N, C-alpha and C. Protein backbone atom coordinates (compact mmCIF):
# COMPACT_ATOMS: atom_id res chain seq x y z
N UNK A 1 1.02 -1.06 0.02
CA UNK A 1 -0.14 -0.35 -0.08
C UNK A 1 0.74 1.22 0.12
N UNK A 2 0.95 1.89 -0.84
CA UNK A 2 1.47 3.26 -1.20
C UNK A 2 0.85 4.25 -0.38
N UNK A 3 -0.62 4.40 -0.02
CA UNK A 3 -1.01 5.55 0.38
C UNK A 3 -0.54 5.97 2.12
N UNK A 4 0.04 4.81 2.69
CA UNK A 4 0.49 4.83 4.21
C UNK A 4 1.43 5.73 4.33
N UNK A 5 1.97 6.68 4.12
CA UNK A 5 3.23 7.21 4.56
C UNK A 5 3.26 7.79 6.10
N UNK A 6 4.56 7.72 6.90
CA UNK A 6 4.38 8.45 8.27
C UNK A 6 4.30 9.88 7.73
N UNK A 7 3.51 10.34 8.67
CA UNK A 7 3.09 11.76 8.58
C UNK A 7 4.17 12.34 9.88
N UNK A 8 4.44 13.68 9.84
CA UNK A 8 5.05 14.17 10.68
C UNK A 8 4.49 14.51 11.53
N UNK A 9 4.69 14.69 13.17
CA UNK A 9 4.38 14.61 14.33
C UNK A 9 5.38 15.52 15.26
N UNK A 10 4.64 16.19 15.97
CA UNK A 10 5.50 17.18 16.99
C UNK A 10 4.67 16.60 18.28
N UNK A 11 5.29 16.76 19.33
CA UNK A 11 4.88 17.23 21.07
C UNK A 11 4.93 18.44 21.04
N UNK A 12 3.86 19.08 21.47
CA UNK A 12 3.80 20.02 21.83
C UNK A 12 2.38 20.27 23.35
N UNK A 13 2.86 21.17 23.68
CA UNK A 13 1.99 21.81 25.27
C UNK A 13 0.76 22.63 24.72
N UNK A 14 -0.24 22.61 25.83
CA UNK A 14 -1.30 23.35 25.61
C UNK A 14 -1.64 24.61 24.30
N UNK A 15 -0.39 25.72 24.68
CA UNK A 15 -0.09 26.63 23.88
C UNK A 15 0.37 26.29 22.30
N UNK A 16 1.30 25.09 21.99
CA UNK A 16 1.11 24.64 20.89
C UNK A 16 2.14 25.26 20.42
N UNK A 17 3.33 25.03 21.77
CA UNK A 17 4.71 24.87 21.62
C UNK A 17 5.51 23.92 21.39
N UNK A 18 6.47 23.99 21.05
CA UNK A 18 7.03 22.20 20.41
C UNK A 18 7.96 21.71 22.33
N UNK A 19 7.84 21.04 21.99
CA UNK A 19 8.01 19.77 23.42
C UNK A 19 9.41 18.93 22.86
N UNK A 20 10.59 18.73 23.73
CA UNK A 20 10.75 16.74 23.44
C UNK A 20 9.87 16.25 23.29
N UNK A 21 9.68 15.20 22.58
CA UNK A 21 9.50 14.00 22.52
C UNK A 21 8.96 13.18 24.03
N UNK A 22 10.04 13.23 24.81
CA UNK A 22 9.93 12.45 25.79
C UNK A 22 8.67 12.82 26.69
N UNK A 23 8.46 13.89 26.46
CA UNK A 23 7.00 14.82 27.51
C UNK A 23 6.21 14.34 26.95
N UNK A 24 5.74 13.95 25.82
CA UNK A 24 4.53 13.53 25.57
C UNK A 24 4.45 12.11 25.63
N UNK A 25 5.60 11.29 25.56
CA UNK A 25 5.47 9.93 26.33
C UNK A 25 5.75 9.90 27.77
N UNK A 26 6.10 10.90 28.38
CA UNK A 26 5.39 10.90 29.76
C UNK A 26 4.24 10.89 30.12
N UNK A 27 3.57 12.06 29.18
CA UNK A 27 2.32 12.57 29.49
C UNK A 27 2.09 13.90 30.30
N UNK A 28 3.36 14.53 30.37
CA UNK A 28 3.13 15.33 31.19
C UNK A 28 2.89 16.66 31.12
N UNK A 29 2.56 17.96 31.66
CA UNK A 29 2.59 19.12 30.98
C UNK A 29 1.27 19.86 29.98
N UNK A 30 0.35 18.59 29.98
CA UNK A 30 -0.69 18.66 29.36
C UNK A 30 -0.36 18.57 27.94
N UNK A 31 0.54 17.85 27.79
CA UNK A 31 1.52 17.50 26.75
C UNK A 31 0.66 16.96 25.54
N UNK A 32 0.89 17.10 24.15
CA UNK A 32 -0.08 16.10 23.54
C UNK A 32 0.81 15.74 21.45
N UNK A 33 0.39 15.24 20.81
CA UNK A 33 1.21 15.20 19.51
C UNK A 33 0.16 15.73 18.31
N UNK A 34 0.77 16.63 17.42
CA UNK A 34 0.59 17.61 16.35
C UNK A 34 0.60 16.39 15.21
N UNK A 35 -0.02 16.15 14.35
CA UNK A 35 0.45 15.85 13.14
C UNK A 35 0.50 16.48 11.66
N UNK A 36 1.30 16.84 11.21
CA UNK A 36 1.60 17.45 10.11
C UNK A 36 1.66 18.83 9.83
N UNK A 37 1.85 19.81 10.76
CA UNK A 37 1.86 20.51 11.21
C UNK A 37 3.65 21.23 10.43
N UNK A 38 3.94 22.96 10.75
CA UNK A 38 5.41 22.86 10.47
C UNK A 38 5.47 23.99 11.56
N UNK A 39 7.18 23.77 12.23
CA UNK A 39 7.54 25.27 13.20
C UNK A 39 9.16 25.08 12.65
N UNK A 40 9.98 26.02 13.64
CA UNK A 40 11.32 25.79 13.03
C UNK A 40 12.11 24.95 14.06
N UNK A 41 11.36 24.12 14.38
CA UNK A 41 12.32 22.20 14.85
C UNK A 41 12.54 22.86 15.84
N UNK A 42 12.91 23.63 16.66
CA UNK A 42 14.11 24.08 18.14
C UNK A 42 12.61 23.85 19.33
N UNK A 43 13.03 23.48 20.61
CA UNK A 43 11.79 23.24 21.23
C UNK A 43 11.26 24.78 22.18
N UNK A 44 10.28 25.10 21.65
CA UNK A 44 9.62 26.75 22.13
C UNK A 44 9.16 27.10 21.20
N UNK A 45 9.83 26.93 19.75
CA UNK A 45 9.04 26.89 18.44
C UNK A 45 7.83 27.15 18.73
N UNK A 46 6.94 27.68 18.27
CA UNK A 46 5.37 27.71 17.97
C UNK A 46 4.97 26.77 16.73
N UNK A 47 4.15 25.91 16.87
CA UNK A 47 3.92 24.97 15.86
C UNK A 47 2.75 25.63 15.16
N UNK A 48 2.81 25.03 13.91
CA UNK A 48 1.37 26.37 13.08
C UNK A 48 0.93 24.91 11.90
N UNK A 49 -0.40 24.81 12.02
CA UNK A 49 -1.37 23.81 11.26
C UNK A 49 -1.23 23.09 11.72
N UNK A 50 -1.67 21.42 10.70
CA UNK A 50 -1.72 20.40 11.18
C UNK A 50 -2.88 20.12 11.99
N UNK A 51 -2.79 18.88 12.47
CA UNK A 51 -4.34 17.99 13.67
C UNK A 51 -4.21 17.50 14.48
N UNK A 52 -4.68 16.91 15.58
CA UNK A 52 -4.40 15.86 16.45
C UNK A 52 -4.75 15.10 16.27
N UNK A 53 -5.29 14.78 15.05
CA UNK A 53 -6.05 13.08 14.39
C UNK A 53 -4.74 12.83 13.64
N UNK A 54 -4.58 11.67 13.50
CA UNK A 54 -3.63 11.47 12.25
C UNK A 54 -4.52 10.70 11.14
N UNK A 55 -5.67 10.70 11.49
CA UNK A 55 -6.15 10.75 10.10
C UNK A 55 -6.32 11.42 8.86
N UNK A 56 -6.10 11.14 7.78
CA UNK A 56 -5.95 11.97 6.40
C UNK A 56 -7.07 12.72 6.06
N UNK A 57 -8.44 12.11 6.49
CA UNK A 57 -9.79 12.46 5.52
C UNK A 57 -10.10 12.70 7.09
N UNK A 58 -10.59 14.59 6.90
CA UNK A 58 -11.99 14.48 7.88
C UNK A 58 -11.51 14.96 9.01
N UNK A 59 -9.97 14.82 9.15
CA UNK A 59 -9.12 15.60 10.67
C UNK A 59 -9.36 16.48 11.01
N UNK A 60 -9.63 16.88 12.10
CA UNK A 60 -9.87 18.69 12.47
C UNK A 60 -8.46 18.52 13.45
N UNK A 61 -8.00 19.66 13.86
CA UNK A 61 -7.40 20.25 14.62
C UNK A 61 -7.57 21.64 15.06
N UNK A 62 -6.54 22.12 16.32
CA UNK A 62 -6.86 23.42 16.69
C UNK A 62 -6.20 24.77 15.53
N UNK A 63 -6.01 25.73 16.39
CA UNK A 63 -4.81 26.79 15.70
C UNK A 63 -3.51 26.18 15.57
N UNK A 64 -2.94 24.93 16.06
CA UNK A 64 -1.72 24.80 16.62
C UNK A 64 -1.86 23.65 15.82
N UNK A 65 -0.11 23.29 15.13
CA UNK A 65 -0.07 22.08 14.44
C UNK A 65 1.27 21.34 14.66
N UNK A 66 1.39 20.74 14.28
CA UNK A 66 2.88 19.91 14.69
C UNK A 66 3.41 19.84 13.59
N UNK A 67 4.89 20.08 13.53
CA UNK A 67 5.63 19.33 12.29
C UNK A 67 6.60 18.11 12.68
N UNK A 68 6.22 17.24 12.97
CA UNK A 68 6.23 16.15 14.03
C UNK A 68 7.81 15.94 13.71
N UNK A 69 8.83 15.30 14.95
CA UNK A 69 10.07 15.20 14.99
C UNK A 69 10.07 14.18 14.17
N UNK A 70 11.18 14.04 13.90
CA UNK A 70 12.11 12.88 13.05
C UNK A 70 12.12 11.57 13.66
C-alpha cells in the first residue's frame, strides 16, 4: 500500500509550543502530539497548522499543528 506514509508529528504543550518527544511519552504538562504541521524545529517554537488526529480525511485540529520530529 503506497497510501500509508509516515506523517511528521511534534509534541506540543497546550499553547502549541514545541516540546521534546519525551514529554509526550511521559504525558506531562498537558502535552500531546500534532500531526502534519510546521515549526522552526526547536523546542519552544510555535507549531502552525496540523491536526491532533492522524486520519488523513476529515481530521480536525486547533489553531496549532506539529511538524513532527524525526
